[in-house]
Amino acid sequence: MSLFLHRFKGKALYLLDEPESALSPSRQLVFQRVLRELTDRQAQFIIATHSPILLGYPDATIYRFDEEKITDIEYDMPEHVQITKYFLLNREKILEELWKDER
């Protein structure tokens, strides 16, 4: 988080590859605020992420890179968002299903 707070300035383009890998979920929320402050100062970001928290940034344009094309998609469309949401709503059922062959 220190890098984002002290090295990033205003008007610039930043390319980030999975910044969530070094951030807990609560720090990812703080990072959302840092992004907002920097975009208010005309910074722009291109972020490669699998984090549903970072994908949830307001007004973000989300792109899916497939073998054949690049398309913009809605927040709920990435598989990792769907799986995370489904797991949080159905944890016991999913774990039971995953472990049933081990018993």
N, C-alpha and C. Protein backbone atom coordinates (compact mmCIF):
# COMPACT_ATOMS: atom_id res chain seq x y z
N MET A 1 0.83 -1.19 0.00
CA MET A 1 0.00 0.00 0.00
C MET A 1 0.88 1.25 0.00
N SER A 2 2.02 1.16 0.63
CA SER A 2 2.93 2.29 0.69
C SER A 2 3.33 2.76 -0.72
N LEU A 3 3.58 1.82 -1.61
CA LEU A 3 3.92 2.16 -2.99
C LEU A 3 2.84 3.03 -3.62
N PHE A 4 1.59 2.62 -3.46
CA PHE A 4 0.49 3.35 -4.07
C PHE A 4 0.35 4.75 -3.46
N LEU A 5 0.58 4.85 -2.17
CA LEU A 5 0.39 6.12 -1.49
C LEU A 5 1.52 7.11 -1.74
N HIS A 6 2.75 6.61 -1.91
CA HIS A 6 3.89 7.52 -1.97
C HIS A 6 4.53 7.67 -3.35
N ARG A 7 4.36 6.71 -4.22
CA ARG A 7 4.99 6.78 -5.54
C ARG A 7 4.05 7.27 -6.63
N PHE A 8 2.78 7.01 -6.48
CA PHE A 8 1.83 7.39 -7.52
C PHE A 8 1.43 8.85 -7.32
N LYS A 9 1.48 9.59 -8.40
CA LYS A 9 1.13 11.01 -8.34
C LYS A 9 -0.12 11.22 -9.20
N GLY A 10 -0.34 12.42 -9.59
CA GLY A 10 -1.52 12.77 -10.38
C GLY A 10 -1.49 12.28 -11.81
N LYS A 11 -1.58 13.19 -12.73
CA LYS A 11 -1.78 12.91 -14.15
C LYS A 11 -0.72 11.96 -14.70
N ALA A 12 -1.12 10.70 -14.90
CA ALA A 12 -0.23 9.66 -15.42
C ALA A 12 -1.08 8.45 -15.79
N LEU A 13 -0.46 7.52 -16.50
CA LEU A 13 -1.10 6.25 -16.83
C LEU A 13 -0.33 5.16 -16.09
N TYR A 14 -1.03 4.37 -15.28
CA TYR A 14 -0.41 3.31 -14.50
C TYR A 14 -0.90 1.96 -14.99
N LEU A 15 0.02 1.03 -15.19
CA LEU A 15 -0.30 -0.34 -15.59
C LEU A 15 0.01 -1.24 -14.40
N LEU A 16 -1.00 -1.92 -13.88
CA LEU A 16 -0.82 -2.75 -12.69
C LEU A 16 -1.24 -4.19 -13.00
N ASP A 17 -0.40 -5.12 -12.60
CA ASP A 17 -0.68 -6.54 -12.80
C ASP A 17 -1.01 -7.18 -11.46
N GLU A 18 -2.26 -7.50 -11.26
CA GLU A 18 -2.77 -8.15 -10.06
C GLU A 18 -2.26 -7.51 -8.76
N PRO A 19 -2.55 -6.23 -8.55
CA PRO A 19 -2.10 -5.57 -7.33
C PRO A 19 -2.70 -6.19 -6.07
N GLU A 20 -3.81 -6.91 -6.22
CA GLU A 20 -4.45 -7.52 -5.06
C GLU A 20 -3.63 -8.64 -4.45
N SER A 21 -2.65 -9.17 -5.19
CA SER A 21 -1.86 -10.29 -4.67
C SER A 21 -1.11 -9.91 -3.40
N ALA A 22 -0.84 -8.64 -3.20
CA ALA A 22 -0.15 -8.19 -1.99
C ALA A 22 -1.09 -7.49 -1.01
N LEU A 23 -2.40 -7.54 -1.29
CA LEU A 23 -3.35 -6.79 -0.47
C LEU A 23 -4.43 -7.70 0.10
N SER A 24 -4.69 -7.56 1.39
CA SER A 24 -5.82 -8.26 2.00
C SER A 24 -7.11 -7.65 1.46
N PRO A 25 -8.25 -8.31 1.67
CA PRO A 25 -9.51 -7.70 1.21
C PRO A 25 -9.76 -6.31 1.79
N SER A 26 -9.43 -6.09 3.05
CA SER A 26 -9.64 -4.75 3.61
C SER A 26 -8.70 -3.72 2.97
N ARG A 27 -7.49 -4.14 2.65
CA ARG A 27 -6.54 -3.24 1.97
C ARG A 27 -6.98 -2.97 0.52
N GLN A 28 -7.65 -3.94 -0.08
CA GLN A 28 -8.17 -3.71 -1.43
C GLN A 28 -9.24 -2.62 -1.40
N LEU A 29 -10.01 -2.58 -0.32
CA LEU A 29 -11.01 -1.51 -0.18
C LEU A 29 -10.32 -0.16 -0.01
N VAL A 30 -9.25 -0.13 0.78
CA VAL A 30 -8.47 1.11 0.93
C VAL A 30 -7.89 1.52 -0.43
N PHE A 31 -7.42 0.53 -1.18
CA PHE A 31 -6.85 0.79 -2.50
C PHE A 31 -7.90 1.42 -3.42
N GLN A 32 -9.16 1.02 -3.27
CA GLN A 32 -10.24 1.65 -4.04
C GLN A 32 -10.25 3.16 -3.79
N ARG A 33 -10.08 3.54 -2.54
CA ARG A 33 -10.07 4.97 -2.20
C ARG A 33 -8.86 5.67 -2.83
N VAL A 34 -7.70 5.01 -2.78
CA VAL A 34 -6.50 5.57 -3.40
C VAL A 34 -6.73 5.77 -4.90
N LEU A 35 -7.32 4.76 -5.54
CA LEU A 35 -7.64 4.89 -6.97
C LEU A 35 -8.53 6.11 -7.23
N ARG A 36 -9.53 6.28 -6.40
CA ARG A 36 -10.45 7.41 -6.57
C ARG A 36 -9.71 8.74 -6.43
N GLU A 37 -8.86 8.84 -5.41
CA GLU A 37 -8.11 10.08 -5.20
C GLU A 37 -7.20 10.38 -6.39
N LEU A 38 -6.56 9.34 -6.91
CA LEU A 38 -5.65 9.54 -8.04
C LEU A 38 -6.41 9.84 -9.34
N THR A 39 -7.54 9.18 -9.56
CA THR A 39 -8.31 9.48 -10.78
C THR A 39 -8.91 10.89 -10.70
N ASP A 40 -9.20 11.35 -9.50
CA ASP A 40 -9.65 12.73 -9.35
C ASP A 40 -8.56 13.72 -9.76
N ARG A 41 -7.30 13.26 -9.71
CA ARG A 41 -6.16 14.09 -10.14
C ARG A 41 -5.70 13.71 -11.55
N GLN A 42 -6.60 13.11 -12.31
CA GLN A 42 -6.42 12.77 -13.73
C GLN A 42 -5.45 11.62 -13.98
N ALA A 43 -5.23 10.77 -13.01
CA ALA A 43 -4.47 9.54 -13.25
C ALA A 43 -5.41 8.54 -13.93
N GLN A 44 -4.83 7.67 -14.74
CA GLN A 44 -5.59 6.60 -15.38
C GLN A 44 -4.92 5.28 -15.06
N PHE A 45 -5.74 4.23 -14.99
CA PHE A 45 -5.22 2.91 -14.62
C PHE A 45 -5.68 1.85 -15.60
N ILE A 46 -4.77 0.97 -15.93
CA ILE A 46 -5.10 -0.29 -16.60
C ILE A 46 -4.64 -1.36 -15.62
N ILE A 47 -5.60 -2.14 -15.13
CA ILE A 47 -5.31 -3.11 -14.07
C ILE A 47 -5.74 -4.50 -14.52
N ALA A 48 -4.79 -5.43 -14.50
CA ALA A 48 -5.12 -6.85 -14.71
C ALA A 48 -5.40 -7.43 -13.32
N THR A 49 -6.61 -7.95 -13.12
CA THR A 49 -6.98 -8.42 -11.79
C THR A 49 -7.98 -9.57 -11.87
N HIS A 50 -7.99 -10.38 -10.82
CA HIS A 50 -9.02 -11.39 -10.63
C HIS A 50 -9.85 -11.05 -9.39
N SER A 51 -9.62 -9.90 -8.81
CA SER A 51 -10.28 -9.52 -7.56
C SER A 51 -11.67 -8.94 -7.81
N PRO A 52 -12.71 -9.59 -7.28
CA PRO A 52 -14.05 -9.01 -7.38
C PRO A 52 -14.14 -7.64 -6.72
N ILE A 53 -13.31 -7.40 -5.71
CA ILE A 53 -13.32 -6.10 -5.04
C ILE A 53 -12.79 -5.02 -5.98
N LEU A 54 -11.66 -5.27 -6.61
CA LEU A 54 -11.11 -4.27 -7.53
C LEU A 54 -11.96 -4.13 -8.78
N LEU A 55 -12.52 -5.23 -9.26
CA LEU A 55 -13.41 -5.15 -10.42
C LEU A 55 -14.64 -4.31 -10.13
N GLY A 56 -15.01 -4.19 -8.85
CA GLY A 56 -16.19 -3.43 -8.47
C GLY A 56 -16.00 -1.93 -8.42
N TYR A 57 -14.85 -1.45 -8.85
CA TYR A 57 -14.60 -0.01 -8.84
C TYR A 57 -15.69 0.70 -9.65
N PRO A 58 -16.30 1.74 -9.09
CA PRO A 58 -17.38 2.44 -9.79
C PRO A 58 -16.95 2.97 -11.17
N ASP A 59 -17.78 2.75 -12.13
CA ASP A 59 -17.57 3.23 -13.50
C ASP A 59 -16.36 2.62 -14.20
N ALA A 60 -15.84 1.51 -13.67
CA ALA A 60 -14.72 0.84 -14.34
C ALA A 60 -15.20 0.21 -15.63
N THR A 61 -14.36 0.21 -16.63
CA THR A 61 -14.62 -0.54 -17.85
C THR A 61 -13.86 -1.85 -17.70
N ILE A 62 -14.58 -2.97 -17.78
CA ILE A 62 -13.99 -4.29 -17.58
C ILE A 62 -13.92 -4.98 -18.93
N TYR A 63 -12.73 -5.45 -19.26
CA TYR A 63 -12.52 -6.16 -20.52
C TYR A 63 -12.20 -7.62 -20.26
N ARG A 64 -12.75 -8.46 -21.10
CA ARG A 64 -12.42 -9.89 -21.09
C ARG A 64 -11.55 -10.15 -22.31
N PHE A 65 -10.42 -10.80 -22.06
CA PHE A 65 -9.50 -11.16 -23.14
C PHE A 65 -9.67 -12.64 -23.44
N ASP A 66 -10.28 -12.94 -24.56
CA ASP A 66 -10.43 -14.31 -25.02
C ASP A 66 -9.39 -14.57 -26.10
N GLU A 67 -9.31 -15.82 -26.53
CA GLU A 67 -8.34 -16.16 -27.57
C GLU A 67 -8.59 -15.40 -28.86
N GLU A 68 -9.85 -15.16 -29.17
CA GLU A 68 -10.20 -14.56 -30.45
C GLU A 68 -10.48 -13.06 -30.40
N LYS A 69 -10.92 -12.55 -29.23
CA LYS A 69 -11.30 -11.14 -29.21
C LYS A 69 -11.25 -10.57 -27.80
N ILE A 70 -11.35 -9.25 -27.74
CA ILE A 70 -11.43 -8.51 -26.49
C ILE A 70 -12.81 -7.88 -26.45
N THR A 71 -13.53 -8.09 -25.36
CA THR A 71 -14.88 -7.52 -25.24
C THR A 71 -15.02 -6.83 -23.89
N ASP A 72 -15.85 -5.79 -23.86
CA ASP A 72 -16.15 -5.18 -22.56
C ASP A 72 -17.36 -5.89 -21.98
N ILE A 73 -17.33 -6.10 -20.67
CA ILE A 73 -18.36 -6.89 -19.99
C ILE A 73 -18.83 -6.18 -18.73
N GLU A 74 -19.94 -6.65 -18.21
CA GLU A 74 -20.49 -6.13 -16.96
C GLU A 74 -19.78 -6.76 -15.77
N TYR A 75 -19.89 -6.12 -14.61
CA TYR A 75 -19.22 -6.58 -13.39
C TYR A 75 -19.54 -8.03 -13.04
N ASP A 76 -20.78 -8.44 -13.17
CA ASP A 76 -21.19 -9.79 -12.76
C ASP A 76 -20.78 -10.89 -13.74
N MET A 77 -20.19 -10.55 -14.86
CA MET A 77 -19.90 -11.55 -15.88
C MET A 77 -18.61 -12.36 -15.70
N PRO A 78 -17.53 -11.80 -15.14
CA PRO A 78 -16.32 -12.62 -15.02
C PRO A 78 -16.56 -13.86 -14.15
N GLU A 79 -15.98 -14.96 -14.57
CA GLU A 79 -16.19 -16.22 -13.86
C GLU A 79 -15.76 -16.13 -12.39
N HIS A 80 -14.67 -15.46 -12.11
CA HIS A 80 -14.21 -15.38 -10.72
C HIS A 80 -15.16 -14.56 -9.85
N VAL A 81 -15.86 -13.60 -10.40
CA VAL A 81 -16.89 -12.88 -9.64
C VAL A 81 -18.06 -13.81 -9.36
N GLN A 82 -18.49 -14.56 -10.36
CA GLN A 82 -19.61 -15.48 -10.19
C GLN A 82 -19.28 -16.58 -9.18
N ILE A 83 -18.09 -17.15 -9.27
CA ILE A 83 -17.70 -18.22 -8.35
C ILE A 83 -17.60 -17.70 -6.92
N THR A 84 -16.99 -16.54 -6.75
CA THR A 84 -16.87 -15.96 -5.41
C THR A 84 -18.24 -15.70 -4.81
N LYS A 85 -19.12 -15.10 -5.59
CA LYS A 85 -20.47 -14.81 -5.11
C LYS A 85 -21.21 -16.10 -4.75
N TYR A 86 -21.12 -17.09 -5.62
CA TYR A 86 -21.79 -18.37 -5.38
C TYR A 86 -21.24 -19.05 -4.13
N PHE A 87 -19.92 -19.03 -3.97
CA PHE A 87 -19.31 -19.65 -2.80
C PHE A 87 -19.78 -18.96 -1.52
N LEU A 88 -19.80 -17.64 -1.50
CA LEU A 88 -20.21 -16.91 -0.30
C LEU A 88 -21.67 -17.20 0.06
N LEU A 89 -22.50 -17.44 -0.92
CA LEU A 89 -23.91 -17.72 -0.67
C LEU A 89 -24.19 -19.19 -0.39
N ASN A 90 -23.28 -20.08 -0.79
CA ASN A 90 -23.54 -21.53 -0.70
C ASN A 90 -22.34 -22.31 -0.17
N ARG A 91 -21.61 -21.75 0.76
CA ARG A 91 -20.36 -22.34 1.23
C ARG A 91 -20.51 -23.79 1.68
N GLU A 92 -21.45 -24.05 2.56
CA GLU A 92 -21.61 -25.41 3.10
C GLU A 92 -21.93 -26.42 2.00
N LYS A 93 -22.82 -26.07 1.13
CA LYS A 93 -23.20 -26.96 0.03
C LYS A 93 -22.01 -27.27 -0.88
N ILE A 94 -21.25 -26.24 -1.21
CA ILE A 94 -20.09 -26.43 -2.09
C ILE A 94 -19.03 -27.30 -1.43
N LEU A 95 -18.72 -27.02 -0.18
CA LEU A 95 -17.70 -27.80 0.52
C LEU A 95 -18.14 -29.25 0.69
N GLU A 96 -19.40 -29.45 0.99
CA GLU A 96 -19.92 -30.81 1.10
C GLU A 96 -19.75 -31.56 -0.23
N GLU A 97 -20.06 -30.89 -1.31
CA GLU A 97 -19.94 -31.49 -2.64
C GLU A 97 -18.47 -31.79 -2.98
N LEU A 98 -17.58 -30.88 -2.64
CA LEU A 98 -16.16 -31.07 -2.92
C LEU A 98 -15.56 -32.24 -2.13
N TRP A 99 -16.02 -32.41 -0.91
CA TRP A 99 -15.41 -33.40 -0.02
C TRP A 99 -16.15 -34.72 0.03
N LYS A 100 -17.26 -34.87 -0.66
CA LYS A 100 -18.09 -36.07 -0.51
C LYS A 100 -17.35 -37.35 -0.90
N ASP A 101 -16.45 -37.30 -1.85
CA ASP A 101 -15.71 -38.49 -2.26
C ASP A 101 -14.62 -38.88 -1.27
N GLU A 102 -14.23 -37.96 -0.40
CA GLU A 102 -13.17 -38.23 0.56
C GLU A 102 -13.67 -38.96 1.80
N ARG A 103 -14.96 -39.02 1.99
CA ARG A 103 -15.50 -39.62 3.22
C ARG A 103 -15.75 -41.09 3.06
